[in-house]
């Protein structure tokens, strides 16, 4: 597997793990940390989708960056 594909898988993995952690923490008093983790997940997915738009999650509109 080439490096670019591996990087995309890593970004999506980071998004998945941080989202799970954010969900777990959202049930506690650490709301700001949960929010930060969710935003990290969103950014990792966004970066992966920018690099490989054909594998973007279905039903998810492209996000404007700016």
PDB file of N, CA and C in Angstrom:
ATOM      1  N   UNK A   1       0.849  -1.169   0.000  1.00  0.00           N
ATOM      2  CA  UNK A   1       0.000   0.000   0.000  1.00  0.00           C
ATOM      3  C   UNK A   1       0.897   1.236   0.000  1.00  0.00           C
ATOM      4  N   UNK A   2       0.514   2.228  -0.799  1.00  0.00           N
ATOM      5  CA  UNK A   2       1.347   3.419  -0.847  1.00  0.00           C
ATOM      6  C   UNK A   2       1.081   4.315   0.357  1.00  0.00           C
ATOM      7  N   UNK A   3       1.962   5.258   0.565  1.00  0.00           N
ATOM      8  CA  UNK A   3       1.888   6.115   1.736  1.00  0.00           C
ATOM      9  C   UNK A   3       0.642   6.971   1.805  1.00  0.00           C
ATOM     10  N   UNK A   4       0.176   7.486   0.651  1.00  0.00           N
ATOM     11  CA  UNK A   4      -0.995   8.358   0.649  1.00  0.00           C
ATOM     12  C   UNK A   4      -2.240   7.617   1.128  1.00  0.00           C
ATOM     13  N   UNK A   5      -2.437   6.412   0.656  1.00  0.00           N
ATOM     14  CA  UNK A   5      -3.601   5.629   1.084  1.00  0.00           C
ATOM     15  C   UNK A   5      -3.514   5.313   2.566  1.00  0.00           C
ATOM     16  N   UNK A   6      -2.322   5.030   3.037  1.00  0.00           N
ATOM     17  CA  UNK A   6      -2.123   4.756   4.451  1.00  0.00           C
ATOM     18  C   UNK A   6      -2.426   5.999   5.291  1.00  0.00           C
ATOM     19  N   UNK A   7      -2.025   7.190   4.796  1.00  0.00           N
ATOM     20  CA  UNK A   7      -2.317   8.436   5.495  1.00  0.00           C
ATOM     21  C   UNK A   7      -3.819   8.664   5.601  1.00  0.00           C
ATOM     22  N   UNK A   8      -4.556   8.378   4.537  1.00  0.00           N
ATOM     23  CA  UNK A   8      -6.012   8.557   4.555  1.00  0.00           C
ATOM     24  C   UNK A   8      -6.662   7.611   5.551  1.00  0.00           C
ATOM     25  N   UNK A   9      -6.199   6.378   5.581  1.00  0.00           N
ATOM     26  CA  UNK A   9      -6.737   5.419   6.552  1.00  0.00           C
ATOM     27  C   UNK A   9      -6.435   5.880   7.973  1.00  0.00           C
ATOM     28  N   UNK A  10      -5.247   6.432   8.172  1.00  0.00           N
ATOM     29  CA  UNK A  10      -4.878   6.927   9.497  1.00  0.00           C
ATOM     30  C   UNK A  10      -5.768   8.086   9.903  1.00  0.00           C
ATOM     31  N   UNK A  11      -6.017   9.021   8.992  1.00  0.00           N
ATOM     32  CA  UNK A  11      -6.894  10.155   9.300  1.00  0.00           C
ATOM     33  C   UNK A  11      -8.297   9.686   9.668  1.00  0.00           C
ATOM     34  N   UNK A  12      -8.809   8.732   8.909  1.00  0.00           N
ATOM     35  CA  UNK A  12     -10.149   8.228   9.211  1.00  0.00           C
ATOM     36  C   UNK A  12     -10.169   7.459  10.534  1.00  0.00           C
ATOM     37  N   UNK A  13      -9.095   6.770  10.842  1.00  0.00           N
ATOM     38  CA  UNK A  13      -8.982   6.062  12.117  1.00  0.00           C
ATOM     39  C   UNK A  13      -8.945   7.059  13.276  1.00  0.00           C
ATOM     40  N   UNK A  14      -8.173   8.131  13.116  1.00  0.00           N
ATOM     41  CA  UNK A  14      -8.121   9.180  14.137  1.00  0.00           C
ATOM     42  C   UNK A  14      -9.515   9.756  14.352  1.00  0.00           C
ATOM     43  N   UNK A  15     -10.228  10.010  13.273  1.00  0.00           N
ATOM     44  CA  UNK A  15     -11.587  10.543  13.385  1.00  0.00           C
ATOM     45  C   UNK A  15     -12.489   9.579  14.154  1.00  0.00           C
ATOM     46  N   UNK A  16     -12.417   8.313  13.832  1.00  0.00           N
ATOM     47  CA  UNK A  16     -13.266   7.312  14.488  1.00  0.00           C
ATOM     48  C   UNK A  16     -12.961   7.215  15.988  1.00  0.00           C
ATOM     49  N   UNK A  17     -11.697   7.133  16.332  1.00  0.00           N
ATOM     50  CA  UNK A  17     -11.309   6.974  17.735  1.00  0.00           C
ATOM     51  C   UNK A  17     -11.637   8.231  18.536  1.00  0.00           C
ATOM     52  N   UNK A  18     -11.335   9.398  17.998  1.00  0.00           N
ATOM     53  CA  UNK A  18     -11.623  10.619  18.748  1.00  0.00           C
ATOM     54  C   UNK A  18     -13.120  10.824  18.917  1.00  0.00           C
ATOM     55  N   UNK A  19     -13.890  10.431  17.913  1.00  0.00           N
ATOM     56  CA  UNK A  19     -15.346  10.547  18.027  1.00  0.00           C
ATOM     57  C   UNK A  19     -15.879   9.618  19.126  1.00  0.00           C
ATOM     58  N   UNK A  20     -15.353   8.402  19.214  1.00  0.00           N
ATOM     59  CA  UNK A  20     -15.777   7.477  20.273  1.00  0.00           C
ATOM     60  C   UNK A  20     -15.405   8.026  21.650  1.00  0.00           C
ATOM     61  N   UNK A  21     -14.212   8.587  21.755  1.00  0.00           N
ATOM     62  CA  UNK A  21     -13.786   9.151  23.027  1.00  0.00           C
ATOM     63  C   UNK A  21     -14.643  10.356  23.401  1.00  0.00           C
ATOM     64  N   UNK A  22     -14.955  11.194  22.425  1.00  0.00           N
ATOM     65  CA  UNK A  22     -15.810  12.351  22.678  1.00  0.00           C
ATOM     66  C   UNK A  22     -17.187  11.916  23.156  1.00  0.00           C
ATOM     67  N   UNK A  23     -17.723  10.879  22.549  1.00  0.00           N
ATOM     68  CA  UNK A  23     -19.040  10.383  22.957  1.00  0.00           C
ATOM     69  C   UNK A  23     -18.990   9.872  24.399  1.00  0.00           C
ATOM     70  N   UNK A  24     -17.933   9.172  24.737  1.00  0.00           N
ATOM     71  CA  UNK A  24     -17.783   8.659  26.091  1.00  0.00           C
ATOM     72  C   UNK A  24     -17.670   9.811  27.090  1.00  0.00           C
ATOM     73  N   UNK A  25     -16.868  10.820  26.771  1.00  0.00           N
ATOM     74  CA  UNK A  25     -16.668  11.945  27.677  1.00  0.00           C
ATOM     75  C   UNK A  25     -17.878  12.864  27.765  1.00  0.00           C
ATOM     76  N   UNK A  26     -18.731  12.861  26.740  1.00  0.00           N
ATOM     77  CA  UNK A  26     -19.890  13.747  26.758  1.00  0.00           C
ATOM     78  C   UNK A  26     -20.853  13.380  27.885  1.00  0.00           C
ATOM     79  N   UNK A  27     -20.734  12.181  28.413  1.00  0.00           N
ATOM     80  CA  UNK A  27     -21.583  11.745  29.519  1.00  0.00           C
ATOM     81  C   UNK A  27     -21.001  12.158  30.868  1.00  0.00           C
ATOM     82  N   UNK A  28     -19.894  12.867  30.849  1.00  0.00           N
ATOM     83  CA  UNK A  28     -19.232  13.284  32.085  1.00  0.00           C
ATOM     84  C   UNK A  28     -19.234  14.805  32.165  1.00  0.00           C
ATOM     85  N   UNK A  29     -18.500  15.333  33.096  1.00  0.00           N
ATOM     86  CA  UNK A  29     -18.423  16.786  33.240  1.00  0.00           C
ATOM     87  C   UNK A  29     -17.417  17.426  32.283  1.00  0.00           C
ATOM     88  N   UNK A  30     -16.765  16.642  31.461  1.00  0.00           N
ATOM     89  CA  UNK A  30     -15.719  17.151  30.568  1.00  0.00           C
ATOM     90  C   UNK A  30     -16.294  17.530  29.193  1.00  0.00           C
ATOM     91  N   UNK A  31     -17.286  18.392  29.195  1.00  0.00           N
ATOM     92  CA  UNK A  31     -17.961  18.768  27.954  1.00  0.00           C
ATOM     93  C   UNK A  31     -17.035  19.477  26.961  1.00  0.00           C
ATOM     94  N   UNK A  32     -16.183  20.359  27.439  1.00  0.00           N
ATOM     95  CA  UNK A  32     -15.296  21.084  26.520  1.00  0.00           C
ATOM     96  C   UNK A  32     -14.285  20.149  25.872  1.00  0.00           C
ATOM     97  N   UNK A  33     -13.781  19.195  26.614  1.00  0.00           N
ATOM     98  CA  UNK A  33     -12.861  18.224  26.038  1.00  0.00           C
ATOM     99  C   UNK A  33     -13.582  17.362  25.003  1.00  0.00           C
ATOM    100  N   UNK A  34     -14.807  16.975  25.293  1.00  0.00           N
ATOM    101  CA  UNK A  34     -15.597  16.190  24.338  1.00  0.00           C
ATOM    102  C   UNK A  34     -15.810  16.994  23.059  1.00  0.00           C
ATOM    103  N   UNK A  35     -16.101  18.283  23.193  1.00  0.00           N
ATOM    104  CA  UNK A  35     -16.290  19.149  22.025  1.00  0.00           C
ATOM    105  C   UNK A  35     -14.996  19.251  21.214  1.00  0.00           C
ATOM    106  N   UNK A  36     -13.879  19.435  21.886  1.00  0.00           N
ATOM    107  CA  UNK A  36     -12.586  19.525  21.197  1.00  0.00           C
ATOM    108  C   UNK A  36     -12.286  18.232  20.428  1.00  0.00           C
ATOM    109  N   UNK A  37     -12.551  17.100  21.046  1.00  0.00           N
ATOM    110  CA  UNK A  37     -12.313  15.822  20.370  1.00  0.00           C
ATOM    111  C   UNK A  37     -13.226  15.660  19.160  1.00  0.00           C
ATOM    112  N   UNK A  38     -14.469  16.056  19.280  1.00  0.00           N
ATOM    113  CA  UNK A  38     -15.386  15.965  18.137  1.00  0.00           C
ATOM    114  C   UNK A  38     -14.914  16.850  16.991  1.00  0.00           C
ATOM    115  N   UNK A  39     -14.435  18.044  17.301  1.00  0.00           N
ATOM    116  CA  UNK A  39     -13.924  18.933  16.254  1.00  0.00           C
ATOM    117  C   UNK A  39     -12.657  18.350  15.613  1.00  0.00           C
ATOM    118  N   UNK A  40     -11.835  17.667  16.406  1.00  0.00           N
ATOM    119  CA  UNK A  40     -10.658  16.985  15.852  1.00  0.00           C
ATOM    120  C   UNK A  40     -11.094  15.898  14.881  1.00  0.00           C
ATOM    121  N   UNK A  41     -12.133  15.155  15.244  1.00  0.00           N
ATOM    122  CA  UNK A  41     -12.646  14.106  14.363  1.00  0.00           C
ATOM    123  C   UNK A  41     -13.181  14.700  13.064  1.00  0.00           C
ATOM    124  N   UNK A  42     -13.920  15.783  13.176  1.00  0.00           N
ATOM    125  CA  UNK A  42     -14.467  16.447  11.983  1.00  0.00           C
ATOM    126  C   UNK A  42     -13.338  16.924  11.076  1.00  0.00           C
ATOM    127  N   UNK A  43     -12.314  17.510  11.657  1.00  0.00           N
ATOM    128  CA  UNK A  43     -11.188  18.008  10.862  1.00  0.00           C
ATOM    129  C   UNK A  43     -10.425  16.870  10.198  1.00  0.00           C
ATOM    130  N   UNK A  44     -10.208  15.766  10.906  1.00  0.00           N
ATOM    131  CA  UNK A  44      -9.506  14.617  10.315  1.00  0.00           C
ATOM    132  C   UNK A  44     -10.302  14.052   9.141  1.00  0.00           C
ATOM    133  N   UNK A  45     -11.621  13.921   9.307  1.00  0.00           N
ATOM    134  CA  UNK A  45     -12.451  13.439   8.194  1.00  0.00           C
ATOM    135  C   UNK A  45     -12.428  14.412   7.027  1.00  0.00           C
ATOM    136  N   UNK A  46     -12.487  15.683   7.331  1.00  0.00           N
ATOM    137  CA  UNK A  46     -12.466  16.700   6.285  1.00  0.00           C
ATOM    138  C   UNK A  46     -11.168  16.635   5.483  1.00  0.00           C
ATOM    139  N   UNK A  47     -10.046  16.503   6.175  1.00  0.00           N
ATOM    140  CA  UNK A  47      -8.758  16.390   5.478  1.00  0.00           C
ATOM    141  C   UNK A  47      -8.706  15.140   4.604  1.00  0.00           C
ATOM    142  N   UNK A  48      -9.205  14.033   5.127  1.00  0.00           N
ATOM    143  CA  UNK A  48      -9.216  12.793   4.348  1.00  0.00           C
ATOM    144  C   UNK A  48     -10.113  12.936   3.121  1.00  0.00           C
ATOM    145  N   UNK A  49     -11.280  13.558   3.304  1.00  0.00           N
ATOM    146  CA  UNK A  49     -12.210  13.730   2.193  1.00  0.00           C
ATOM    147  C   UNK A  49     -11.653  14.659   1.120  1.00  0.00           C
ATOM    148  N   UNK A  50     -10.923  15.687   1.535  1.00  0.00           N
ATOM    149  CA  UNK A  50     -10.287  16.593   0.570  1.00  0.00           C
ATOM    150  C   UNK A  50      -9.260  15.862  -0.277  1.00  0.00           C
ATOM    151  N   UNK A  51      -8.524  14.954   0.337  1.00  0.00           N
ATOM    152  CA  UNK A  51      -7.486  14.236  -0.381  1.00  0.00           C
ATOM    153  C   UNK A  51      -8.042  13.109  -1.240  1.00  0.00           C
ATOM    154  N   UNK A  52      -9.192  12.572  -0.859  1.00  0.00           N
ATOM    155  CA  UNK A  52      -9.783  11.449  -1.587  1.00  0.00           C
ATOM    156  C   UNK A  52     -11.309  11.573  -1.573  1.00  0.00           C
ATOM    157  N   UNK A  53     -11.869  12.512  -2.354  1.00  0.00           N
ATOM    158  CA  UNK A  53     -13.310  12.781  -2.283  1.00  0.00           C
ATOM    159  C   UNK A  53     -14.193  11.609  -2.691  1.00  0.00           C
ATOM    160  N   UNK A  54     -13.695  10.667  -3.464  1.00  0.00           N
ATOM    161  CA  UNK A  54     -14.534   9.539  -3.884  1.00  0.00           C
ATOM    162  C   UNK A  54     -14.845   8.595  -2.730  1.00  0.00           C
ATOM    163  N   UNK A  55     -14.087   8.671  -1.632  1.00  0.00           N
ATOM    164  CA  UNK A  55     -14.346   7.840  -0.458  1.00  0.00           C
ATOM    165  C   UNK A  55     -14.986   8.625   0.677  1.00  0.00           C
ATOM    166  N   UNK A  56     -15.516   9.807   0.374  1.00  0.00           N
ATOM    167  CA  UNK A  56     -16.186  10.613   1.403  1.00  0.00           C
ATOM    168  C   UNK A  56     -17.431   9.880   1.886  1.00  0.00           C
ATOM    169  N   UNK A  57     -17.821  10.162   3.115  1.00  0.00           N
ATOM    170  CA  UNK A  57     -19.008   9.521   3.666  1.00  0.00           C
ATOM    171  C   UNK A  57     -20.242   9.958   2.878  1.00  0.00           C
ATOM    172  N   UNK A  58     -21.111   9.025   2.520  1.00  0.00           N
ATOM    173  CA  UNK A  58     -22.313   9.392   1.769  1.00  0.00           C
ATOM    174  C   UNK A  58     -23.255  10.216   2.617  1.00  0.00           C
ATOM    175  N   UNK A  59     -23.986  11.130   1.931  1.00  0.00           N
ATOM    176  CA  UNK A  59     -24.956  11.955   2.615  1.00  0.00           C
ATOM    177  C   UNK A  59     -24.348  13.120   3.370  1.00  0.00           C
ATOM    178  N   UNK A  60     -23.059  13.309   3.231  1.00  0.00           N
ATOM    179  CA  UNK A  60     -22.380  14.386   3.942  1.00  0.00           C
ATOM    180  C   UNK A  60     -21.998  15.463   2.928  1.00  0.00           C
ATOM    181  N   UNK A  61     -22.616  16.639   3.014  1.00  0.00           N
ATOM    182  CA  UNK A  61     -22.287  17.695   2.037  1.00  0.00           C
ATOM    183  C   UNK A  61     -20.862  18.190   2.231  1.00  0.00           C
ATOM    184  N   UNK A  62     -20.227  18.623   1.171  1.00  0.00           N
ATOM    185  CA  UNK A  62     -18.866  19.148   1.308  1.00  0.00           C
ATOM    186  C   UNK A  62     -18.864  20.376   2.215  1.00  0.00           C
ATOM    187  N   UNK A  63     -17.865  20.475   3.043  1.00  0.00           N
ATOM    188  CA  UNK A  63     -17.773  21.597   3.967  1.00  0.00           C
ATOM    189  C   UNK A  63     -16.945  22.713   3.339  1.00  0.00           C
ATOM    190  N   UNK A  64     -17.441  23.928   3.510  1.00  0.00           N
ATOM    191  CA  UNK A  64     -16.683  25.088   3.043  1.00  0.00           C
ATOM    192  C   UNK A  64     -15.566  25.346   4.035  1.00  0.00           C
ATOM    193  N   UNK A  65     -14.383  25.571   3.516  1.00  0.00           N
ATOM    194  CA  UNK A  65     -13.242  25.849   4.396  1.00  0.00           C
ATOM    195  C   UNK A  65     -12.808  27.268   4.149  1.00  0.00           C
ATOM    196  N   UNK A  66     -12.441  27.921   5.188  1.00  0.00           N
ATOM    197  CA  UNK A  66     -12.007  29.284   4.963  1.00  0.00           C
ATOM    198  C   UNK A  66     -11.471  29.985   6.110  1.00  0.00           C
TER     199      UNK A  66
END
